[in-house]
Amino acid sequence: MATTGSSEFDPQKIITYKFPETTYTYSERDAALYALGVGACAKDAVDDKELKFVYHPDGQQSIQVLPTFAALFSIGYSEAIAELPGLQYDPRLLLHGQQYIEIYKPLPSSASIINRASIAGLHDKGKATVLEVEIKSYEKVSGDLLCMNRMAVFLRGAGGFSKSSNPYSYSKYPANQTAAPKIPKGQPFVVFEDYLQPPQALLYRLSGDYNPLHSDPRVADVAGFSRPILHGLCTLGFAVRAIIKCICKGDPNMIKNISGRFLLHVYPGETLMTEMWLEGLRVIYQVKVKERKRAVLAGFVDLHRLSSSL
């Protein structure tokens, strides 16, 4: 893997690159561990809106799976982009900027998943390159398309590759499809508060993201943080779990798609406040750290329908 940025590569070779097909297999235990990692039942071990994500009580044959579990299918692709032809960057300068998820069918409690990835976007930002990777996930046995992830990463120091005065920009989809919405000025429809336990990142990492930035104080110090930080996708999981609890009344199957833009780091031990505004079938949300009064995540969640009790 190259560790220095370079402007000498052919964008066409990047956007036509074919990633190798991968398999992701998980069990009901993995789905339950993930739910605990994003705070399910942390306040109340018998919460009737969340117990089903970690246990199957009478009448329920298997646990239900949180829709953000689908984000785990994209783990590993941040490293896989190192194989893109000619693209050179320092992996320590990679930032996960945005995650977009579409859910086509409820995720089974256990499955073997086939992932097929492609490049969905490539943008020259001068001092950085923005790369979008799309991952479509199919259930191996049935062949059904279950979900799609689209992750955007910033490769600092790898920009300036355009061959003309106009910066190169390629998008498979319209730019406004996953753009972060403007946060409304009015009072939120609802606000949900979550306390992050001190070992929250250590628990979440057991779902497969073992980046030492989230566990090793020395690595965090080199990166400029006072201690290990929480995974961005963990923060996203907390936010969507709050929406399911407050807006969907505990029904994860109401979620159609999810978009989140990562704005700032979060430390375990802090308190997350998820603010939600309801606009038709769209929930616009913003997550703030209570102690620092800073926004750390913003985005939207589209619903199939509204709960009759709203």
C-alpha atoms as a PDB file:
ATOM      1  CA  MET A   1       0.000   0.000   0.000  1.00  0.00           C
ATOM      2  CA  ALA A   2       1.359   3.377  -0.935  1.00  0.00           C
ATOM      3  CA  THR A   3       1.498   5.948   1.833  1.00  0.00           C
ATOM      4  CA  THR A   4       1.905   9.208  -0.070  1.00  0.00           C
ATOM      5  CA  GLY A   5      -0.617  11.179  -2.076  1.00  0.00           C
ATOM      6  CA  SER A   6      -0.282  11.400  -5.839  1.00  0.00           C
ATOM      7  CA  SER A   7      -2.030  13.272  -8.638  1.00  0.00           C
ATOM      8  CA  GLU A   8      -0.785  10.864 -11.291  1.00  0.00           C
ATOM      9  CA  PHE A   9      -3.597   8.395 -11.885  1.00  0.00           C
ATOM     10  CA  ASP A  10      -6.272   7.802 -14.482  1.00  0.00           C
ATOM     11  CA  PRO A  11      -9.761   8.521 -13.050  1.00  0.00           C
ATOM     12  CA  GLN A  12     -11.364   6.256 -15.663  1.00  0.00           C
ATOM     13  CA  LYS A  13      -9.484   3.271 -14.297  1.00  0.00           C
ATOM     14  CA  ILE A  14     -10.781   4.097 -10.818  1.00  0.00           C
ATOM     15  CA  ILE A  15     -14.463   4.450 -11.687  1.00  0.00           C
ATOM     16  CA  THR A  16     -14.494   1.255 -13.801  1.00  0.00           C
ATOM     17  CA  TYR A  17     -12.629  -0.841 -11.211  1.00  0.00           C
ATOM     18  CA  LYS A  18     -14.305  -4.109 -10.221  1.00  0.00           C
ATOM     19  CA  PHE A  19     -13.900  -5.057  -6.584  1.00  0.00           C
ATOM     20  CA  PRO A  20     -13.658  -8.777  -5.819  1.00  0.00           C
ATOM     21  CA  GLU A  21     -16.937 -10.267  -4.587  1.00  0.00           C
ATOM     22  CA  THR A  22     -16.894 -10.904  -0.824  1.00  0.00           C
ATOM     23  CA  THR A  23     -18.943 -12.956   1.625  1.00  0.00           C
ATOM     24  CA  TYR A  24     -20.117 -11.809   5.045  1.00  0.00           C
ATOM     25  CA  THR A  25     -21.634 -14.428   7.343  1.00  0.00           C
ATOM     26  CA  TYR A  26     -23.302 -13.579  10.624  1.00  0.00           C
ATOM     27  CA  SER A  27     -25.323 -15.312  13.319  1.00  0.00           C
ATOM     28  CA  GLU A  28     -28.103 -14.234  15.658  1.00  0.00           C
ATOM     29  CA  ARG A  29     -25.417 -13.740  18.306  1.00  0.00           C
ATOM     30  CA  ASP A  30     -23.653 -11.200  16.053  1.00  0.00           C
ATOM     31  CA  ALA A  31     -26.894  -9.258  15.524  1.00  0.00           C
ATOM     32  CA  ALA A  32     -27.570  -9.187  19.277  1.00  0.00           C
ATOM     33  CA  LEU A  33     -23.994  -8.111  20.064  1.00  0.00           C
ATOM     34  CA  TYR A  34     -24.331  -5.279  17.546  1.00  0.00           C
ATOM     35  CA  ALA A  35     -27.588  -4.112  19.142  1.00  0.00           C
ATOM     36  CA  LEU A  36     -25.905  -3.978  22.552  1.00  0.00           C
ATOM     37  CA  GLY A  37     -23.006  -2.086  20.942  1.00  0.00           C
ATOM     38  CA  VAL A  38     -25.367   0.696  19.810  1.00  0.00           C
ATOM     39  CA  GLY A  39     -27.077   0.954  23.179  1.00  0.00           C
ATOM     40  CA  ALA A  40     -30.103  -1.342  22.982  1.00  0.00           C
ATOM     41  CA  CYS A  41     -31.535  -2.043  26.460  1.00  0.00           C
ATOM     42  CA  ALA A  42     -28.782   0.042  28.092  1.00  0.00           C
ATOM     43  CA  LYS A  43     -31.319   2.027  30.117  1.00  0.00           C
ATOM     44  CA  ASP A  44     -33.782  -0.794  30.708  1.00  0.00           C
ATOM     45  CA  ALA A  45     -32.916  -4.456  30.220  1.00  0.00           C
ATOM     46  CA  VAL A  46     -36.592  -5.341  29.648  1.00  0.00           C
ATOM     47  CA  ASP A  47     -37.492  -2.401  27.379  1.00  0.00           C
ATOM     48  CA  ASP A  48     -40.398  -3.699  25.272  1.00  0.00           C
ATOM     49  CA  LYS A  49     -39.241  -1.666  22.242  1.00  0.00           C
ATOM     50  CA  GLU A  50     -35.647  -2.979  22.330  1.00  0.00           C
ATOM     51  CA  LEU A  51     -35.539  -6.390  23.988  1.00  0.00           C
ATOM     52  CA  LYS A  52     -36.482  -8.015  20.670  1.00  0.00           C
ATOM     53  CA  PHE A  53     -33.125  -6.906  19.210  1.00  0.00           C
ATOM     54  CA  VAL A  54     -31.152  -8.950  21.747  1.00  0.00           C
ATOM     55  CA  TYR A  55     -33.581 -11.713  22.799  1.00  0.00           C
ATOM     56  CA  HIS A  56     -36.605 -13.493  21.384  1.00  0.00           C
ATOM     57  CA  PRO A  57     -39.381 -13.688  23.986  1.00  0.00           C
ATOM     58  CA  ASP A  58     -42.445 -15.929  23.782  1.00  0.00           C
ATOM     59  CA  GLY A  59     -44.005 -15.942  20.340  1.00  0.00           C
ATOM     60  CA  GLN A  60     -40.965 -14.513  18.571  1.00  0.00           C
ATOM     61  CA  GLN A  61     -38.968 -17.198  16.762  1.00  0.00           C
ATOM     62  CA  SER A  62     -35.794 -15.126  16.371  1.00  0.00           C
ATOM     63  CA  ILE A  63     -34.471 -11.699  17.255  1.00  0.00           C
ATOM     64  CA  GLN A  64     -35.170  -8.726  15.037  1.00  0.00           C
ATOM     65  CA  VAL A  65     -32.203  -7.000  13.420  1.00  0.00           C
ATOM     66  CA  LEU A  66     -31.592  -3.266  13.565  1.00  0.00           C
ATOM     67  CA  PRO A  67     -31.411  -1.791  10.032  1.00  0.00           C
ATOM     68  CA  THR A  68     -28.041  -0.137  10.744  1.00  0.00           C
ATOM     69  CA  PHE A  69     -26.579  -3.630  11.175  1.00  0.00           C
ATOM     70  CA  ALA A  70     -26.364  -3.449   7.375  1.00  0.00           C
ATOM     71  CA  ALA A  71     -23.525  -0.937   7.759  1.00  0.00           C
ATOM     72  CA  LEU A  72     -21.307  -3.792   8.950  1.00  0.00           C
ATOM     73  CA  PHE A  73     -21.411  -5.228   5.431  1.00  0.00           C
ATOM     74  CA  SER A  74     -19.323  -2.230   4.291  1.00  0.00           C
ATOM     75  CA  ILE A  75     -16.560  -2.787   6.866  1.00  0.00           C
ATOM     76  CA  GLY A  76     -13.312  -3.573   5.097  1.00  0.00           C
ATOM     77  CA  TYR A  77     -13.916  -1.476   2.006  1.00  0.00           C
ATOM     78  CA  SER A  78     -11.981   1.446   3.483  1.00  0.00           C
ATOM     79  CA  GLU A  79      -8.949  -0.846   3.244  1.00  0.00           C
ATOM     80  CA  ALA A  80      -9.996  -2.346  -0.104  1.00  0.00           C
ATOM     81  CA  ILE A  81      -9.669   1.012  -1.870  1.00  0.00           C
ATOM     82  CA  ALA A  82      -5.907   0.636  -1.459  1.00  0.00           C
ATOM     83  CA  GLU A  83      -6.142  -1.770  -4.422  1.00  0.00           C
ATOM     84  CA  LEU A  84      -7.538   0.882  -6.771  1.00  0.00           C
ATOM     85  CA  PRO A  85      -5.112   1.268  -9.708  1.00  0.00           C
ATOM     86  CA  GLY A  86      -2.752   4.216  -9.334  1.00  0.00           C
ATOM     87  CA  LEU A  87      -4.471   5.793  -6.327  1.00  0.00           C
ATOM     88  CA  GLN A  88      -1.919   6.612  -3.638  1.00  0.00           C
ATOM     89  CA  TYR A  89      -2.802   8.018  -0.231  1.00  0.00           C
ATOM     90  CA  ASP A  90      -1.799   7.866   3.399  1.00  0.00           C
ATOM     91  CA  PRO A  91      -4.322   5.557   5.150  1.00  0.00           C
ATOM     92  CA  ARG A  92      -3.810   7.502   8.383  1.00  0.00           C
ATOM     93  CA  LEU A  93      -5.354  10.532   6.651  1.00  0.00           C
ATOM     94  CA  LEU A  94      -8.529   8.744   5.536  1.00  0.00           C
ATOM     95  CA  LEU A  95     -11.760  10.150   6.967  1.00  0.00           C
ATOM     96  CA  HIS A  96     -15.165   8.468   6.812  1.00  0.00           C
ATOM     97  CA  GLY A  97     -17.392  11.353   5.722  1.00  0.00           C
ATOM     98  CA  GLN A  98     -20.827   9.912   5.043  1.00  0.00           C
ATOM     99  CA  GLN A  99     -22.857   6.689   5.071  1.00  0.00           C
ATOM    100  CA  TYR A 100     -26.043   6.037   3.135  1.00  0.00           C
ATOM    101  CA  ILE A 101     -28.065   2.826   3.530  1.00  0.00           C
ATOM    102  CA  GLU A 102     -31.120   1.541   1.665  1.00  0.00           C
ATOM    103  CA  ILE A 103     -33.048  -1.383   3.152  1.00  0.00           C
ATOM    104  CA  TYR A 104     -34.988  -3.489   0.636  1.00  0.00           C
ATOM    105  CA  LYS A 105     -35.988  -6.390   2.877  1.00  0.00           C
ATOM    106  CA  PRO A 106     -35.839  -6.890   6.669  1.00  0.00           C
ATOM    107  CA  LEU A 107     -32.458  -8.348   7.546  1.00  0.00           C
ATOM    108  CA  PRO A 108     -32.666 -11.985   8.692  1.00  0.00           C
ATOM    109  CA  SER A 109     -31.412 -12.843  12.180  1.00  0.00           C
ATOM    110  CA  SER A 110     -28.611 -14.919  10.613  1.00  0.00           C
ATOM    111  CA  ALA A 111     -27.418 -15.160   7.027  1.00  0.00           C
ATOM    112  CA  SER A 112     -24.570 -15.496   4.595  1.00  0.00           C
ATOM    113  CA  ILE A 113     -24.292 -12.342   2.497  1.00  0.00           C
ATOM    114  CA  ILE A 114     -22.676 -11.810  -0.903  1.00  0.00           C
ATOM    115  CA  ASN A 115     -21.304  -8.278  -1.323  1.00  0.00           C
ATOM    116  CA  ARG A 116     -20.720  -6.697  -4.732  1.00  0.00           C
ATOM    117  CA  ALA A 117     -19.020  -3.313  -4.674  1.00  0.00           C
ATOM    118  CA  SER A 118     -18.372  -0.619  -7.244  1.00  0.00           C
ATOM    119  CA  ILE A 119     -17.263   3.008  -7.393  1.00  0.00           C
ATOM    120  CA  ALA A 120     -20.225   5.399  -7.157  1.00  0.00           C
ATOM    121  CA  GLY A 121     -18.326   8.678  -7.051  1.00  0.00           C
ATOM    122  CA  LEU A 122     -14.889  10.256  -7.502  1.00  0.00           C
ATOM    123  CA  HIS A 123     -14.272  13.946  -6.844  1.00  0.00           C
ATOM    124  CA  ASP A 124     -11.104  16.041  -6.940  1.00  0.00           C
ATOM    125  CA  LYS A 125     -11.214  18.539  -4.058  1.00  0.00           C
ATOM    126  CA  GLY A 126      -7.726  19.934  -4.631  1.00  0.00           C
ATOM    127  CA  LYS A 127      -6.078  18.907  -1.378  1.00  0.00           C
ATOM    128  CA  ALA A 128      -8.172  15.753  -1.062  1.00  0.00           C
ATOM    129  CA  THR A 129     -10.030  13.153  -3.085  1.00  0.00           C
ATOM    130  CA  VAL A 130     -13.573  12.150  -2.182  1.00  0.00           C
ATOM    131  CA  LEU A 131     -14.339   8.566  -3.094  1.00  0.00           C
ATOM    132  CA  GLU A 132     -17.775   6.938  -2.915  1.00  0.00           C
ATOM    133  CA  VAL A 133     -18.030   3.146  -2.738  1.00  0.00           C
ATOM    134  CA  GLU A 134     -21.364   1.384  -3.239  1.00  0.00           C
ATOM    135  CA  ILE A 135     -21.906  -2.091  -1.804  1.00  0.00           C
ATOM    136  CA  LYS A 136     -24.947  -4.162  -2.736  1.00  0.00           C
ATOM    137  CA  SER A 137     -25.621  -7.093  -0.408  1.00  0.00           C
ATOM    138  CA  TYR A 138     -27.462 -10.235  -1.477  1.00  0.00           C
ATOM    139  CA  GLU A 139     -28.625 -13.162   0.630  1.00  0.00           C
ATOM    140  CA  LYS A 140     -26.541 -16.089  -0.577  1.00  0.00           C
ATOM    141  CA  VAL A 141     -29.250 -18.769  -0.402  1.00  0.00           C
ATOM    142  CA  SER A 142     -32.145 -16.902  -2.008  1.00  0.00           C
ATOM    143  CA  GLY A 143     -30.180 -14.404  -4.088  1.00  0.00           C
ATOM    144  CA  ASP A 144     -32.431 -11.614  -2.811  1.00  0.00           C
ATOM    145  CA  LEU A 145     -31.020  -8.082  -2.686  1.00  0.00           C
ATOM    146  CA  LEU A 146     -31.302  -7.110   0.997  1.00  0.00           C
ATOM    147  CA  CYS A 147     -29.669  -3.707   1.203  1.00  0.00           C
ATOM    148  CA  MET A 148     -27.218  -1.221  -0.265  1.00  0.00           C
ATOM    149  CA  ASN A 149     -24.517   0.834   1.451  1.00  0.00           C
ATOM    150  CA  ARG A 150     -22.840   3.865  -0.060  1.00  0.00           C
ATOM    151  CA  MET A 151     -19.899   5.191   1.894  1.00  0.00           C
ATOM    152  CA  ALA A 152     -17.980   8.389   1.154  1.00  0.00           C
ATOM    153  CA  VAL A 153     -14.380   8.704   2.305  1.00  0.00           C
ATOM    154  CA  PHE A 154     -12.030  11.695   2.219  1.00  0.00           C
ATOM    155  CA  LEU A 155      -8.471  10.867   1.203  1.00  0.00           C
ATOM    156  CA  ARG A 156      -6.513  13.865   2.451  1.00  0.00           C
ATOM    157  CA  GLY A 157      -3.414  14.665   0.432  1.00  0.00           C
ATOM    158  CA  ALA A 158      -4.575  12.662  -2.602  1.00  0.00           C
ATOM    159  CA  GLY A 159      -6.294  15.432  -4.581  1.00  0.00           C
ATOM    160  CA  GLY A 160      -5.166  17.555  -7.497  1.00  0.00           C
ATOM    161  CA  PHE A 161      -5.389  14.828 -10.124  1.00  0.00           C
ATOM    162  CA  SER A 162      -7.580  16.755 -12.603  1.00  0.00           C
ATOM    163  CA  LYS A 163      -6.062  17.203 -16.057  1.00  0.00           C
ATOM    164  CA  SER A 164      -7.992  20.391 -16.829  1.00  0.00           C
ATOM    165  CA  SER A 165      -8.907  23.621 -15.077  1.00  0.00           C
ATOM    166  CA  ASN A 166     -12.265  22.124 -14.051  1.00  0.00           C
ATOM    167  CA  PRO A 167     -11.924  19.760 -11.052  1.00  0.00           C
ATOM    168  CA  TYR A 168     -12.836  16.188 -11.981  1.00  0.00           C
ATOM    169  CA  SER A 169     -16.156  15.052 -10.536  1.00  0.00           C
ATOM    170  CA  TYR A 170     -18.040  11.816 -11.259  1.00  0.00           C
ATOM    171  CA  SER A 171     -21.272  10.720  -9.554  1.00  0.00           C
ATOM    172  CA  LYS A 172     -23.345   7.659 -10.341  1.00  0.00           C
ATOM    173  CA  TYR A 173     -26.339   9.356  -8.729  1.00  0.00           C
ATOM    174  CA  PRO A 174     -27.689  12.930  -8.524  1.00  0.00           C
ATOM    175  CA  ALA A 175     -25.700  14.964  -6.027  1.00  0.00           C
ATOM    176  CA  ASN A 176     -28.784  15.856  -3.988  1.00  0.00           C
ATOM    177  CA  GLN A 177     -29.933  12.272  -3.420  1.00  0.00           C
ATOM    178  CA  THR A 178     -27.968  11.830  -0.196  1.00  0.00           C
ATOM    179  CA  ALA A 179     -27.097  15.446   0.567  1.00  0.00           C
ATOM    180  CA  ALA A 180     -27.457  16.375   4.208  1.00  0.00           C
ATOM    181  CA  PRO A 181     -30.714  18.290   4.707  1.00  0.00           C
ATOM    182  CA  LYS A 182     -30.842  21.702   6.332  1.00  0.00           C
ATOM    183  CA  ILE A 183     -31.553  21.404  10.037  1.00  0.00           C
ATOM    184  CA  PRO A 184     -34.912  23.090  10.803  1.00  0.00           C
ATOM    185  CA  LYS A 185     -34.855  26.177  13.011  1.00  0.00           C
ATOM    186  CA  GLY A 186     -37.938  25.191  14.972  1.00  0.00           C
ATOM    187  CA  GLN A 187     -38.065  23.006  18.072  1.00  0.00           C
ATOM    188  CA  PRO A 188     -37.470  19.288  17.431  1.00  0.00           C
ATOM    189  CA  PHE A 189     -40.445  16.939  17.329  1.00  0.00           C
ATOM    190  CA  VAL A 190     -38.669  14.886  19.962  1.00  0.00           C
ATOM    191  CA  VAL A 191     -35.231  14.686  21.611  1.00  0.00           C
ATOM    192  CA  PHE A 192     -33.766  11.427  22.896  1.00  0.00           C
ATOM    193  CA  GLU A 193     -30.799  11.243  25.255  1.00  0.00           C
ATOM    194  CA  ASP A 194     -28.306   8.365  25.437  1.00  0.00           C
ATOM    195  CA  TYR A 195     -25.355   8.015  27.797  1.00  0.00           C
ATOM    196  CA  LEU A 196     -22.329   6.295  26.251  1.00  0.00           C
ATOM    197  CA  GLN A 197     -20.764   3.866  28.661  1.00  0.00           C
ATOM    198  CA  PRO A 198     -16.958   4.284  29.036  1.00  0.00           C
ATOM    199  CA  PRO A 199     -16.296   0.909  27.298  1.00  0.00           C
ATOM    200  CA  GLN A 200     -18.807   1.618  24.494  1.00  0.00           C
ATOM    201  CA  ALA A 201     -16.191   1.587  21.722  1.00  0.00           C
ATOM    202  CA  LEU A 202     -14.630  -1.591  23.130  1.00  0.00           C
ATOM    203  CA  LEU A 203     -18.034  -3.271  22.959  1.00  0.00           C
ATOM    204  CA  TYR A 204     -18.880  -1.971  19.482  1.00  0.00           C
ATOM    205  CA  ARG A 205     -15.503  -3.008  18.023  1.00  0.00           C
ATOM    206  CA  LEU A 206     -16.476  -6.654  18.645  1.00  0.00           C
ATOM    207  CA  SER A 207     -18.848  -6.258  15.681  1.00  0.00           C
ATOM    208  CA  GLY A 208     -15.823  -6.159  13.380  1.00  0.00           C
ATOM    209  CA  ASP A 209     -14.229  -2.710  13.264  1.00  0.00           C
ATOM    210  CA  TYR A 210     -10.895  -3.207  15.040  1.00  0.00           C
ATOM    211  CA  ASN A 211      -9.277   0.116  14.108  1.00  0.00           C
ATOM    212  CA  PRO A 212      -7.014   0.836  17.128  1.00  0.00           C
ATOM    213  CA  LEU A 213      -8.060   4.491  17.021  1.00  0.00           C
ATOM    214  CA  HIS A 214     -11.097   3.315  18.988  1.00  0.00           C
ATOM    215  CA  SER A 215      -9.235   1.282  21.602  1.00  0.00           C
ATOM    216  CA  ASP A 216      -5.534   2.204  21.868  1.00  0.00           C
ATOM    217  CA  PRO A 217      -4.698   5.443  23.772  1.00  0.00           C
ATOM    218  CA  ARG A 218      -1.321   5.730  22.014  1.00  0.00           C
ATOM    219  CA  VAL A 219      -2.868   5.562  18.552  1.00  0.00           C
ATOM    220  CA  ALA A 220      -5.518   8.100  19.583  1.00  0.00           C
ATOM    221  CA  ASP A 221      -2.805  10.434  20.873  1.00  0.00           C
ATOM    222  CA  VAL A 222      -0.886  10.274  17.579  1.00  0.00           C
ATOM    223  CA  ALA A 223      -4.138  11.094  15.765  1.00  0.00           C
ATOM    224  CA  GLY A 224      -4.621  14.172  17.954  1.00  0.00           C
ATOM    225  CA  PHE A 225      -7.277  12.906  20.370  1.00  0.00           C
ATOM    226  CA  SER A 226      -7.056  12.898  24.157  1.00  0.00           C
ATOM    227  CA  ARG A 227      -8.326   9.305  24.275  1.00  0.00           C
ATOM    228  CA  PRO A 228      -9.830   6.678  21.919  1.00  0.00           C
ATOM    229  CA  ILE A 229     -12.916   7.904  20.089  1.00  0.00           C
ATOM    230  CA  LEU A 230     -16.193   6.199  19.249  1.00  0.00           C
ATOM    231  CA  HIS A 231     -16.737   4.676  15.815  1.00  0.00           C
ATOM    232  CA  GLY A 232     -18.768   6.967  13.552  1.00  0.00           C
ATOM    233  CA  LEU A 233     -21.008   4.069  12.544  1.00  0.00           C
ATOM    234  CA  CYS A 234     -21.671   3.407  16.220  1.00  0.00           C
ATOM    235  CA  THR A 235     -22.932   6.982  16.616  1.00  0.00           C
ATOM    236  CA  LEU A 236     -25.130   6.415  13.546  1.00  0.00           C
ATOM    237  CA  GLY A 237     -26.476   3.241  15.154  1.00  0.00           C
ATOM    238  CA  PHE A 238     -27.392   5.153  18.318  1.00  0.00           C
ATOM    239  CA  ALA A 239     -29.180   7.845  16.284  1.00  0.00           C
ATOM    240  CA  VAL A 240     -31.261   5.443  14.185  1.00  0.00           C
ATOM    241  CA  ARG A 241     -32.084   3.352  17.256  1.00  0.00           C
ATOM    242  CA  ALA A 242     -33.429   6.533  18.870  1.00  0.00           C
ATOM    243  CA  ILE A 243     -35.578   7.220  15.794  1.00  0.00           C
ATOM    244  CA  ILE A 244     -36.946   3.664  15.812  1.00  0.00           C
ATOM    245  CA  LYS A 245     -37.775   3.994  19.499  1.00  0.00           C
ATOM    246  CA  CYS A 246     -39.342   7.461  19.394  1.00  0.00           C
ATOM    247  CA  ILE A 247     -40.838   7.809  15.891  1.00  0.00           C
ATOM    248  CA  CYS A 248     -41.346   4.202  14.775  1.00  0.00           C
ATOM    249  CA  LYS A 249     -42.540   3.036  18.209  1.00  0.00           C
ATOM    250  CA  GLY A 250     -40.046   0.189  18.137  1.00  0.00           C
ATOM    251  CA  ASP A 251     -40.766  -1.113  14.616  1.00  0.00           C
ATOM    252  CA  PRO A 252     -37.484  -1.346  12.615  1.00  0.00           C
ATOM    253  CA  ASN A 253     -39.326  -2.347   9.437  1.00  0.00           C
ATOM    254  CA  MET A 254     -40.611   1.211   9.036  1.00  0.00           C
ATOM    255  CA  ILE A 255     -37.107   2.302   7.986  1.00  0.00           C
ATOM    256  CA  LYS A 256     -36.673   2.747   4.226  1.00  0.00           C
ATOM    257  CA  ASN A 257     -33.291   4.464   3.982  1.00  0.00           C
ATOM    258  CA  ILE A 258     -30.727   6.153   6.206  1.00  0.00           C
ATOM    259  CA  SER A 259     -28.247   8.945   5.541  1.00  0.00           C
ATOM    260  CA  GLY A 260     -25.667  10.246   7.971  1.00  0.00           C
ATOM    261  CA  ARG A 261     -22.867  12.795   7.653  1.00  0.00           C
ATOM    262  CA  PHE A 262     -20.118  12.589  10.271  1.00  0.00           C
ATOM    263  CA  LEU A 263     -19.267  16.057  11.586  1.00  0.00           C
ATOM    264  CA  LEU A 264     -17.131  15.583  14.696  1.00  0.00           C
ATOM    265  CA  HIS A 265     -15.629  12.883  16.900  1.00  0.00           C
ATOM    266  CA  VAL A 266     -17.379  11.436  19.962  1.00  0.00           C
ATOM    267  CA  TYR A 267     -15.756  10.154  23.160  1.00  0.00           C
ATOM    268  CA  PRO A 268     -17.150   7.191  25.108  1.00  0.00           C
ATOM    269  CA  GLY A 269     -18.499   8.486  28.413  1.00  0.00           C
ATOM    270  CA  GLU A 270     -20.241  11.429  26.760  1.00  0.00           C
ATOM    271  CA  THR A 271     -23.988  11.924  26.317  1.00  0.00           C
ATOM    272  CA  LEU A 272     -25.648  11.892  22.910  1.00  0.00           C
ATOM    273  CA  MET A 273     -28.761  13.964  22.291  1.00  0.00           C
ATOM    274  CA  THR A 274     -30.608  12.972  19.112  1.00  0.00           C
ATOM    275  CA  GLU A 275     -32.894  15.764  17.915  1.00  0.00           C
ATOM    276  CA  MET A 276     -35.599  14.733  15.432  1.00  0.00           C
ATOM    277  CA  TRP A 277     -37.849  16.746  13.135  1.00  0.00           C
ATOM    278  CA  LEU A 278     -40.666  15.004  11.280  1.00  0.00           C
ATOM    279  CA  GLU A 279     -41.370  16.257   7.743  1.00  0.00           C
ATOM    280  CA  GLY A 280     -43.883  13.954   6.068  1.00  0.00           C
ATOM    281  CA  LEU A 281     -42.239  10.520   5.844  1.00  0.00           C
ATOM    282  CA  ARG A 282     -38.773  11.956   6.428  1.00  0.00           C
ATOM    283  CA  VAL A 283     -37.106  12.292   9.819  1.00  0.00           C
ATOM    284  CA  ILE A 284     -34.387  14.937   9.808  1.00  0.00           C
ATOM    285  CA  TYR A 285     -32.057  14.380  12.727  1.00  0.00           C
ATOM    286  CA  GLN A 286     -29.043  15.911  14.401  1.00  0.00           C
ATOM    287  CA  VAL A 287     -26.912  14.363  17.123  1.00  0.00           C
ATOM    288  CA  LYS A 288     -25.176  16.599  19.628  1.00  0.00           C
ATOM    289  CA  VAL A 289     -22.752  15.833  22.434  1.00  0.00           C
ATOM    290  CA  LYS A 290     -24.414  17.266  25.515  1.00  0.00           C
ATOM    291  CA  GLU A 291     -21.203  17.995  27.418  1.00  0.00           C
ATOM    292  CA  ARG A 292     -19.540  19.919  24.581  1.00  0.00           C
ATOM    293  CA  LYS A 293     -22.712  21.293  22.956  1.00  0.00           C
ATOM    294  CA  ARG A 294     -21.372  20.331  19.536  1.00  0.00           C
ATOM    295  CA  ALA A 295     -23.129  18.624  16.613  1.00  0.00           C
ATOM    296  CA  VAL A 296     -21.376  15.353  15.711  1.00  0.00           C
ATOM    297  CA  LEU A 297     -23.759  13.761  13.175  1.00  0.00           C
ATOM    298  CA  ALA A 298     -26.613  14.937  10.958  1.00  0.00           C
ATOM    299  CA  GLY A 299     -28.783  13.374   8.306  1.00  0.00           C
ATOM    300  CA  PHE A 300     -32.182  11.946   7.496  1.00  0.00           C
ATOM    301  CA  VAL A 301     -34.157   8.720   7.697  1.00  0.00           C
ATOM    302  CA  ASP A 302     -37.000   8.022   5.262  1.00  0.00           C
ATOM    303  CA  LEU A 303     -39.899   5.889   6.453  1.00  0.00           C
ATOM    304  CA  HIS A 304     -42.303   3.568   4.652  1.00  0.00           C
ATOM    305  CA  ARG A 305     -45.155   4.839   6.799  1.00  0.00           C
ATOM    306  CA  LEU A 306     -45.879   6.637  10.033  1.00  0.00           C
ATOM    307  CA  SER A 307     -46.869   5.027  13.295  1.00  0.00           C
ATOM    308  CA  SER A 308     -50.591   5.336  13.956  1.00  0.00           C
ATOM    309  CA  SER A 309     -49.843   6.513  17.495  1.00  0.00           C
ATOM    310  CA  LEU A 310     -47.996   9.673  16.414  1.00  0.00           C
END
